[in-house]
Amino acid sequence: MSGNLGCVVVSVDGNEGSMDALRWALDNIKLRPPTPGSTQPPGHFLLLHVQSPPSIAAGLNPGDIPFGGPTNLEVPAFTAAIEAHQKRITEAILNHALQICSEKKASVKTQVVVGDPKEKICEVVDNLHADLLVMGSRAFGPIKRMLLGSVSTYCANHAQCAVMIVKNKDASSKA
């Protein structure tokens, strides 16, 4: 695939499908080579991981205390524990992705952002003026896809660059 790509964003998460997409990108995408005297920098891969905000990751909010107690109660230890857990998950995901890059002798940059993956991936792609977004696709059934939405479908429709969705190897057997 083209040899003039400057910035290729590869979205990675805890799903092995995203790692398959990373492998595909490293094997098939040719970046812009360094050119002496050129004003354009050489191309690069950016591994992007989006963490959910602690309130979403918790899947719950401690909620209001009934009968006149305080509302919007913050539980700092609870939030700190979730943030620490998310940090460990993020490190594990990036370490796995960087191991794949190391095996393929690829040099990459990494970025971690916090928020809704659909919105944050598109935001980063736009801010970086990326040439291509590569991401995996989970094999959700129609009901799960309807309830949860599809990050890859959203990005394909909203990202301000070309989007390559690499289907999970097992997708055909699950569908």
C-alpha atoms as a PDB file:
ATOM      1  CA  MET A   1       0.000   0.000   0.000  1.00  0.00           C
ATOM      2  CA  SER A   2       1.320   3.486  -0.945  1.00  0.00           C
ATOM      3  CA  GLY A   3       4.864   4.534  -0.097  1.00  0.00           C
ATOM      4  CA  ASN A   4       3.934   8.153   0.639  1.00  0.00           C
ATOM      5  CA  LEU A   5       1.949   7.818   3.862  1.00  0.00           C
ATOM      6  CA  GLY A   6       3.109  10.209   6.548  1.00  0.00           C
ATOM      7  CA  CYS A   7       1.039   9.247   9.588  1.00  0.00           C
ATOM      8  CA  VAL A   8      -0.737   5.933  10.017  1.00  0.00           C
ATOM      9  CA  VAL A   9      -2.752   5.582  13.221  1.00  0.00           C
ATOM     10  CA  VAL A  10      -3.357   2.032  14.444  1.00  0.00           C
ATOM     11  CA  SER A  11      -5.999   1.772  17.161  1.00  0.00           C
ATOM     12  CA  VAL A  12      -5.175  -0.938  19.713  1.00  0.00           C
ATOM     13  CA  ASP A  13      -7.268  -2.259  22.577  1.00  0.00           C
ATOM     14  CA  GLY A  14      -7.596  -5.453  24.597  1.00  0.00           C
ATOM     15  CA  ASN A  15      -9.141  -7.293  21.669  1.00  0.00           C
ATOM     16  CA  GLU A  16      -6.829  -9.591  19.701  1.00  0.00           C
ATOM     17  CA  GLY A  17      -8.510  -8.278  16.535  1.00  0.00           C
ATOM     18  CA  SER A  18      -6.755  -4.961  17.066  1.00  0.00           C
ATOM     19  CA  MET A  19      -3.421  -6.788  17.284  1.00  0.00           C
ATOM     20  CA  ASP A  20      -4.238  -8.599  14.027  1.00  0.00           C
ATOM     21  CA  ALA A  21      -4.878  -5.164  12.491  1.00  0.00           C
ATOM     22  CA  LEU A  22      -1.502  -3.971  13.796  1.00  0.00           C
ATOM     23  CA  ARG A  23       0.258  -6.993  12.282  1.00  0.00           C
ATOM     24  CA  TRP A  24      -1.546  -6.375   8.981  1.00  0.00           C
ATOM     25  CA  ALA A  25      -0.518  -2.697   8.982  1.00  0.00           C
ATOM     26  CA  LEU A  26       3.131  -3.462   9.715  1.00  0.00           C
ATOM     27  CA  ASP A  27       3.225  -6.141   7.005  1.00  0.00           C
ATOM     28  CA  ASN A  28       1.368  -4.239   4.282  1.00  0.00           C
ATOM     29  CA  ILE A  29       1.757  -0.481   4.629  1.00  0.00           C
ATOM     30  CA  LYS A  30       4.721   1.386   3.191  1.00  0.00           C
ATOM     31  CA  LEU A  31       5.451   4.679   4.903  1.00  0.00           C
ATOM     32  CA  ARG A  32       7.039   7.752   3.358  1.00  0.00           C
ATOM     33  CA  PRO A  33      10.809   7.179   3.454  1.00  0.00           C
ATOM     34  CA  PRO A  34      13.183   9.791   4.867  1.00  0.00           C
ATOM     35  CA  THR A  35      14.298  12.038   2.027  1.00  0.00           C
ATOM     36  CA  PRO A  36      17.375  14.237   2.445  1.00  0.00           C
ATOM     37  CA  GLY A  37      16.532  17.892   1.850  1.00  0.00           C
ATOM     38  CA  SER A  38      12.777  17.280   1.946  1.00  0.00           C
ATOM     39  CA  THR A  39      10.518  19.397   4.120  1.00  0.00           C
ATOM     40  CA  GLN A  40       8.286  16.372   4.739  1.00  0.00           C
ATOM     41  CA  PRO A  41       9.261  14.199   7.704  1.00  0.00           C
ATOM     42  CA  PRO A  42       9.456  10.427   7.198  1.00  0.00           C
ATOM     43  CA  GLY A  43       6.256   8.491   7.777  1.00  0.00           C
ATOM     44  CA  HIS A  44       5.433   6.865  11.091  1.00  0.00           C
ATOM     45  CA  PHE A  45       2.999   4.528  12.767  1.00  0.00           C
ATOM     46  CA  LEU A  46       1.174   5.759  15.864  1.00  0.00           C
ATOM     47  CA  LEU A  47      -0.295   3.172  18.205  1.00  0.00           C
ATOM     48  CA  LEU A  48      -3.372   4.758  19.780  1.00  0.00           C
ATOM     49  CA  HIS A  49      -5.098   3.392  22.851  1.00  0.00           C
ATOM     50  CA  VAL A  50      -8.255   4.960  24.258  1.00  0.00           C
ATOM     51  CA  GLN A  51      -8.978   4.427  27.944  1.00  0.00           C
ATOM     52  CA  SER A  52     -12.515   4.764  29.231  1.00  0.00           C
ATOM     53  CA  PRO A  53     -13.029   7.469  31.865  1.00  0.00           C
ATOM     54  CA  PRO A  54     -13.052   5.986  35.404  1.00  0.00           C
ATOM     55  CA  SER A  55     -16.817   6.551  35.794  1.00  0.00           C
ATOM     56  CA  ILE A  56     -17.532   4.498  32.676  1.00  0.00           C
ATOM     57  CA  ALA A  57     -14.944   1.843  33.520  1.00  0.00           C
ATOM     58  CA  ALA A  58     -16.578   1.337  36.904  1.00  0.00           C
ATOM     59  CA  GLY A  59     -19.858   0.555  35.218  1.00  0.00           C
ATOM     60  CA  LEU A  60     -21.594   2.247  38.096  1.00  0.00           C
ATOM     61  CA  ASN A  61     -21.747   5.403  40.070  1.00  0.00           C
ATOM     62  CA  PRO A  62     -21.891   5.207  43.852  1.00  0.00           C
ATOM     63  CA  GLY A  63     -25.087   7.227  43.430  1.00  0.00           C
ATOM     64  CA  ASP A  64     -27.018   9.464  45.725  1.00  0.00           C
ATOM     65  CA  ILE A  65     -27.411   8.622  49.357  1.00  0.00           C
ATOM     66  CA  PRO A  66     -31.144   8.340  50.018  1.00  0.00           C
ATOM     67  CA  PHE A  67     -33.123  10.315  52.588  1.00  0.00           C
ATOM     68  CA  GLY A  68     -31.375  13.660  52.301  1.00  0.00           C
ATOM     69  CA  GLY A  69     -27.752  12.506  52.131  1.00  0.00           C
ATOM     70  CA  PRO A  70     -25.199  14.222  49.871  1.00  0.00           C
ATOM     71  CA  THR A  71     -25.624  13.852  46.125  1.00  0.00           C
ATOM     72  CA  ASN A  72     -22.937  13.232  43.495  1.00  0.00           C
ATOM     73  CA  LEU A  73     -20.751  11.644  46.145  1.00  0.00           C
ATOM     74  CA  GLU A  74     -17.162  11.158  44.997  1.00  0.00           C
ATOM     75  CA  VAL A  75     -15.294   8.155  46.293  1.00  0.00           C
ATOM     76  CA  PRO A  76     -11.614   9.075  45.771  1.00  0.00           C
ATOM     77  CA  ALA A  77     -10.205   5.669  46.744  1.00  0.00           C
ATOM     78  CA  PHE A  78     -12.653   3.941  44.400  1.00  0.00           C
ATOM     79  CA  THR A  79     -11.709   6.254  41.514  1.00  0.00           C
ATOM     80  CA  ALA A  80      -7.982   5.919  42.257  1.00  0.00           C
ATOM     81  CA  ALA A  81      -8.251   2.113  42.278  1.00  0.00           C
ATOM     82  CA  ILE A  82     -10.034   2.135  38.914  1.00  0.00           C
ATOM     83  CA  GLU A  83      -7.454   4.525  37.441  1.00  0.00           C
ATOM     84  CA  ALA A  84      -4.589   2.319  38.680  1.00  0.00           C
ATOM     85  CA  HIS A  85      -6.275  -0.763  37.218  1.00  0.00           C
ATOM     86  CA  GLN A  86      -6.824   1.002  33.877  1.00  0.00           C
ATOM     87  CA  LYS A  87      -3.181   2.089  33.833  1.00  0.00           C
ATOM     88  CA  ARG A  88      -2.082  -1.545  34.257  1.00  0.00           C
ATOM     89  CA  ILE A  89      -4.434  -2.632  31.459  1.00  0.00           C
ATOM     90  CA  THR A  90      -3.145   0.130  29.166  1.00  0.00           C
ATOM     91  CA  GLU A  91       0.468  -0.830  29.898  1.00  0.00           C
ATOM     92  CA  ALA A  92      -0.282  -4.487  29.133  1.00  0.00           C
ATOM     93  CA  ILE A  93      -2.007  -3.582  25.843  1.00  0.00           C
ATOM     94  CA  LEU A  94       0.802  -1.277  24.729  1.00  0.00           C
ATOM     95  CA  ASN A  95       3.485  -3.756  25.810  1.00  0.00           C
ATOM     96  CA  HIS A  96       1.790  -6.469  23.745  1.00  0.00           C
ATOM     97  CA  ALA A  97       1.538  -4.127  20.738  1.00  0.00           C
ATOM     98  CA  LEU A  98       5.149  -2.971  21.125  1.00  0.00           C
ATOM     99  CA  GLN A  99       6.281  -6.614  21.295  1.00  0.00           C
ATOM    100  CA  ILE A 100       4.584  -7.217  17.934  1.00  0.00           C
ATOM    101  CA  CYS A 101       6.328  -4.117  16.539  1.00  0.00           C
ATOM    102  CA  SER A 102       9.670  -5.291  17.928  1.00  0.00           C
ATOM    103  CA  GLU A 103       9.241  -8.727  16.305  1.00  0.00           C
ATOM    104  CA  LYS A 104       8.577  -6.977  12.985  1.00  0.00           C
ATOM    105  CA  LYS A 105      11.461  -4.536  13.543  1.00  0.00           C
ATOM    106  CA  ALA A 106       9.103  -1.559  13.328  1.00  0.00           C
ATOM    107  CA  SER A 107       9.632   1.705  15.123  1.00  0.00           C
ATOM    108  CA  VAL A 108       6.395   3.284  16.326  1.00  0.00           C
ATOM    109  CA  LYS A 109       5.093   6.095  18.487  1.00  0.00           C
ATOM    110  CA  THR A 110       2.387   5.595  21.105  1.00  0.00           C
ATOM    111  CA  GLN A 111      -0.394   7.773  22.448  1.00  0.00           C
ATOM    112  CA  VAL A 112      -2.993   7.174  25.159  1.00  0.00           C
ATOM    113  CA  VAL A 113      -6.122   9.290  25.471  1.00  0.00           C
ATOM    114  CA  VAL A 114      -9.104   9.047  27.816  1.00  0.00           C
ATOM    115  CA  GLY A 115     -12.709   9.203  26.648  1.00  0.00           C
ATOM    116  CA  ASP A 116     -15.218   7.595  24.314  1.00  0.00           C
ATOM    117  CA  PRO A 117     -13.212   5.512  21.801  1.00  0.00           C
ATOM    118  CA  LYS A 118     -15.407   6.502  18.841  1.00  0.00           C
ATOM    119  CA  GLU A 119     -14.937  10.204  19.412  1.00  0.00           C
ATOM    120  CA  LYS A 120     -11.333  10.141  20.620  1.00  0.00           C
ATOM    121  CA  ILE A 121     -10.017   8.044  17.734  1.00  0.00           C
ATOM    122  CA  CYS A 122     -11.573  10.434  15.217  1.00  0.00           C
ATOM    123  CA  GLU A 123     -10.310  13.441  17.193  1.00  0.00           C
ATOM    124  CA  VAL A 124      -6.701  12.175  17.264  1.00  0.00           C
ATOM    125  CA  VAL A 125      -6.785  11.257  13.565  1.00  0.00           C
ATOM    126  CA  ASP A 126      -8.066  14.742  12.759  1.00  0.00           C
ATOM    127  CA  ASN A 127      -5.563  16.548  15.022  1.00  0.00           C
ATOM    128  CA  LEU A 128      -2.632  14.620  13.541  1.00  0.00           C
ATOM    129  CA  HIS A 129      -3.879  15.005   9.944  1.00  0.00           C
ATOM    130  CA  ALA A 130      -3.362  11.243   9.646  1.00  0.00           C
ATOM    131  CA  ASP A 131      -3.311   9.694   6.200  1.00  0.00           C
ATOM    132  CA  LEU A 132      -4.782   6.363   7.297  1.00  0.00           C
ATOM    133  CA  LEU A 133      -6.522   4.813  10.308  1.00  0.00           C
ATOM    134  CA  VAL A 134      -6.154   1.058  10.748  1.00  0.00           C
ATOM    135  CA  MET A 135      -8.336  -0.778  13.222  1.00  0.00           C
ATOM    136  CA  GLY A 136      -9.698  -4.197  13.990  1.00  0.00           C
ATOM    137  CA  SER A 137     -13.329  -5.163  13.954  1.00  0.00           C
ATOM    138  CA  ARG A 138     -15.027  -7.221  16.607  1.00  0.00           C
ATOM    139  CA  ALA A 139     -17.465  -9.827  15.376  1.00  0.00           C
ATOM    140  CA  PHE A 140     -20.483  -8.520  17.278  1.00  0.00           C
ATOM    141  CA  GLY A 141     -23.829 -10.000  16.378  1.00  0.00           C
ATOM    142  CA  PRO A 142     -26.577  -7.632  15.201  1.00  0.00           C
ATOM    143  CA  ILE A 143     -28.168  -7.161  18.642  1.00  0.00           C
ATOM    144  CA  LYS A 144     -24.901  -6.480  20.468  1.00  0.00           C
ATOM    145  CA  ARG A 145     -23.812  -4.140  17.652  1.00  0.00           C
ATOM    146  CA  MET A 146     -27.150  -2.293  17.920  1.00  0.00           C
ATOM    147  CA  LEU A 147     -26.834  -1.892  21.700  1.00  0.00           C
ATOM    148  CA  LEU A 148     -23.118  -1.106  21.912  1.00  0.00           C
ATOM    149  CA  GLY A 149     -22.545   0.462  18.542  1.00  0.00           C
ATOM    150  CA  SER A 150     -19.526  -0.278  16.450  1.00  0.00           C
ATOM    151  CA  VAL A 151     -16.412   1.817  16.934  1.00  0.00           C
ATOM    152  CA  SER A 152     -15.061   0.749  13.536  1.00  0.00           C
ATOM    153  CA  THR A 153     -18.316   1.651  11.751  1.00  0.00           C
ATOM    154  CA  TYR A 154     -18.433   5.037  13.487  1.00  0.00           C
ATOM    155  CA  CYS A 155     -14.810   5.774  12.581  1.00  0.00           C
ATOM    156  CA  ALA A 156     -15.316   4.658   8.983  1.00  0.00           C
ATOM    157  CA  ASN A 157     -18.118   7.220   8.710  1.00  0.00           C
ATOM    158  CA  HIS A 158     -16.562  10.076  10.699  1.00  0.00           C
ATOM    159  CA  ALA A 159     -12.742   9.921  10.489  1.00  0.00           C
ATOM    160  CA  GLN A 160     -11.173  12.605   8.304  1.00  0.00           C
ATOM    161  CA  CYS A 161      -8.879  10.126   6.538  1.00  0.00           C
ATOM    162  CA  ALA A 162      -9.000   6.760   4.847  1.00  0.00           C
ATOM    163  CA  VAL A 163      -9.961   3.899   7.185  1.00  0.00           C
ATOM    164  CA  MET A 164      -8.829   0.288   6.867  1.00  0.00           C
ATOM    165  CA  ILE A 165     -10.852  -2.149   8.963  1.00  0.00           C
ATOM    166  CA  VAL A 166      -9.085  -5.475   9.351  1.00  0.00           C
ATOM    167  CA  LYS A 167     -11.566  -8.218  10.161  1.00  0.00           C
ATOM    168  CA  ASN A 168     -10.760 -10.596  12.971  1.00  0.00           C
ATOM    169  CA  LYS A 169      -9.503 -13.950  11.702  1.00  0.00           C
ATOM    170  CA  ASP A 170     -12.248 -15.707  13.680  1.00  0.00           C
ATOM    171  CA  ALA A 171     -15.034 -13.341  12.515  1.00  0.00           C
ATOM    172  CA  SER A 172     -16.291 -15.667   9.801  1.00  0.00           C
ATOM    173  CA  SER A 173     -16.693 -18.596  12.175  1.00  0.00           C
ATOM    174  CA  LYS A 174     -18.592 -16.478  14.758  1.00  0.00           C
ATOM    175  CA  ALA A 175     -20.897 -14.675  12.354  1.00  0.00           C
END
